[in-house]
Amino acid sequence: MTRMSAFSSPFMLGFDDIERVLDRVSKAANDGYPPYNIERLPKTESNGDVIRITLAVAGFTRNQLDVSVEESQLVIRGRQEDDKSRDYLHRGIAARQFQRAFVLAEGIEILGADLKDGLLSIDLARPEPERVIRKIEISSGE
């Protein structure tokens, strides 16, 4: 049995990728670690709309975090190793790994990342697109 979606309409040509992205996003949304915020920052002339993603990564150092762009996704990974030299009487904070991915729209630029007070902030910009109008000539069919 085939799955019907809004993108299977004959008027929605070339939107197959969007459906795949929506499936990927819905699967990734179930993991709650690490918690994060997404906020819109004031517009700037040089960058247009600016979005900041802030992840709570307390206990991770700069060397234990990796931020990259892979196939139109912003991917943040954290890797902590167990410190074998410590003798815990109680262990409530586990050393753990995580991967959090955000799907990026076409044209989104990564401005930079900053780690401060256990919060990793990544700024993204969507530059204002140029308005393009193209005239299509109609042939007479002769």
Protein backbone atom coordinates (compact mmCIF):
# COMPACT_ATOMS: atom_id res chain seq x y z
CA MET A 1 0.00 0.00 0.00
CA THR A 2 1.42 3.39 -0.96
CA ARG A 3 1.44 6.35 1.39
CA MET A 4 -0.44 9.46 0.32
CA SER A 5 0.80 12.87 1.41
CA ALA A 6 0.22 16.51 0.57
CA PHE A 7 3.35 16.36 -1.60
CA SER A 8 1.87 13.68 -3.90
CA SER A 9 -0.37 16.29 -5.52
CA PRO A 10 0.27 16.75 -9.27
CA PHE A 11 0.64 20.50 -8.57
CA MET A 12 3.56 19.97 -6.14
CA LEU A 13 6.37 19.07 -8.55
CA GLY A 14 9.88 18.51 -7.22
CA PHE A 15 8.99 18.51 -3.50
CA ASP A 16 10.00 14.88 -2.83
CA ASP A 17 13.01 16.04 -0.82
CA ILE A 18 10.80 18.04 1.55
CA GLU A 19 8.79 14.94 2.41
CA ARG A 20 12.00 13.03 3.19
CA VAL A 21 13.24 15.92 5.37
CA LEU A 22 9.96 15.98 7.30
CA ASP A 23 10.25 12.24 7.97
CA ARG A 24 13.84 12.70 9.19
CA VAL A 25 12.88 15.60 11.47
CA SER A 26 9.97 13.73 13.05
CA LYS A 27 12.25 10.79 13.92
CA ALA A 28 14.94 13.06 15.44
CA ALA A 29 12.44 15.06 17.54
CA ASN A 30 11.91 12.21 20.02
CA ASP A 31 15.33 12.49 21.71
CA GLY A 32 15.33 15.08 24.50
CA TYR A 33 19.07 15.23 25.31
CA PRO A 34 20.61 17.72 25.42
CA PRO A 35 17.86 20.30 25.91
CA TYR A 36 17.98 23.27 23.56
CA ASN A 37 16.42 26.63 22.73
CA ILE A 38 15.90 28.24 19.34
CA GLU A 39 15.49 32.00 19.26
CA ARG A 40 15.21 34.70 16.63
CA LEU A 41 17.70 37.54 17.07
CA PRO A 42 17.12 41.08 15.79
CA LYS A 43 17.61 41.48 12.03
CA THR A 44 20.88 42.96 10.85
CA GLU A 45 21.63 44.58 7.52
CA SER A 46 24.57 42.30 6.81
CA ASN A 47 22.94 38.98 7.77
CA GLY A 48 19.16 39.36 7.42
CA ASP A 49 17.26 37.01 9.76
CA VAL A 50 19.51 35.54 12.48
CA ILE A 51 18.57 32.42 14.45
CA ARG A 52 20.42 31.18 17.53
CA ILE A 53 20.37 27.55 18.66
CA THR A 54 21.52 27.14 22.27
CA LEU A 55 22.22 23.69 23.71
CA ALA A 56 22.74 22.94 27.42
CA VAL A 57 26.04 21.04 27.38
CA ALA A 58 27.20 21.42 30.99
CA GLY A 59 30.24 19.27 31.70
CA PHE A 60 31.46 19.20 28.08
CA THR A 61 34.66 20.98 27.10
CA ARG A 62 35.28 22.63 23.75
CA ASN A 63 37.39 19.61 22.71
CA GLN A 64 34.55 17.18 23.48
CA LEU A 65 32.09 18.99 21.16
CA ASP A 66 31.92 18.89 17.38
CA VAL A 67 29.74 21.12 15.19
CA SER A 68 29.51 20.35 11.47
CA VAL A 69 27.25 20.63 8.44
CA GLU A 70 26.48 17.30 6.76
CA GLU A 71 24.10 16.99 3.81
CA SER A 72 22.10 20.13 4.66
CA GLN A 73 21.98 19.27 8.37
CA LEU A 74 23.64 21.06 11.26
CA VAL A 75 25.02 18.21 13.40
CA ILE A 76 26.24 18.72 16.97
CA ARG A 77 28.03 15.85 18.68
CA GLY A 78 29.30 15.54 22.23
CA ARG A 79 31.66 12.81 23.43
CA GLN A 80 32.73 12.34 27.03
CA GLU A 81 35.00 9.61 28.33
CA ASP A 82 34.65 8.06 31.78
CA ASP A 83 37.43 9.26 34.09
CA LYS A 84 38.74 5.96 35.47
CA SER A 85 40.91 7.75 38.07
CA ARG A 86 37.85 8.98 40.02
CA ASP A 87 36.28 6.95 42.83
CA TYR A 88 32.61 7.96 43.00
CA LEU A 89 30.54 7.42 46.14
CA HIS A 90 27.44 8.42 44.15
CA ARG A 91 27.25 8.94 40.40
CA GLY A 92 24.28 11.07 39.33
CA ILE A 93 25.97 12.80 36.39
CA ALA A 94 26.87 10.22 33.77
CA ALA A 95 29.45 10.74 31.07
CA ARG A 96 27.40 10.35 27.94
CA GLN A 97 27.50 10.96 24.26
CA PHE A 98 24.93 12.75 22.16
CA GLN A 99 24.16 13.76 18.62
CA ARG A 100 21.60 16.44 17.81
CA ALA A 101 20.79 17.33 14.19
CA PHE A 102 18.86 20.27 12.74
CA VAL A 103 17.77 20.28 9.10
CA LEU A 104 18.84 23.49 7.35
CA ALA A 105 16.89 25.22 4.62
CA GLU A 106 18.70 26.06 1.43
CA GLY A 107 20.72 29.26 1.76
CA ILE A 108 21.16 29.14 5.56
CA GLU A 109 24.67 30.19 6.60
CA ILE A 110 26.42 29.27 9.85
CA LEU A 111 27.85 32.45 11.41
CA GLY A 112 29.70 30.76 14.26
CA ALA A 113 29.55 28.83 17.52
CA ASP A 114 30.37 29.86 21.10
CA LEU A 115 30.69 27.85 24.33
CA LYS A 116 30.12 29.82 27.54
CA ASP A 117 28.86 28.79 31.00
CA GLY A 118 27.84 25.31 29.82
CA LEU A 119 25.78 26.65 26.90
CA LEU A 120 26.76 26.06 23.28
CA SER A 121 25.29 28.79 21.04
CA ILE A 122 25.29 28.49 17.26
CA ASP A 123 24.21 31.46 15.16
CA LEU A 124 22.67 30.94 11.72
CA ALA A 125 21.61 33.52 9.14
CA ARG A 126 19.18 33.53 6.29
CA PRO A 127 20.30 36.27 3.90
CA GLU A 128 17.57 38.16 2.08
CA PRO A 129 17.08 36.42 -1.27
CA GLU A 130 17.38 38.47 -4.42
CA ARG A 131 14.14 38.78 -6.30
CA VAL A 132 14.54 37.07 -9.67
CA ILE A 133 12.04 37.49 -12.48
CA ARG A 134 12.65 35.58 -15.69
CA LYS A 135 10.57 36.05 -18.83
CA ILE A 136 9.69 32.81 -20.64
CA GLU A 137 9.24 33.21 -24.37
CA ILE A 138 6.27 31.42 -25.95
CA SER A 139 6.99 29.79 -29.27
CA SER A 140 4.38 29.69 -32.01
CA GLY A 141 4.77 25.92 -32.51
CA GLU A 142 5.50 26.24 -36.23
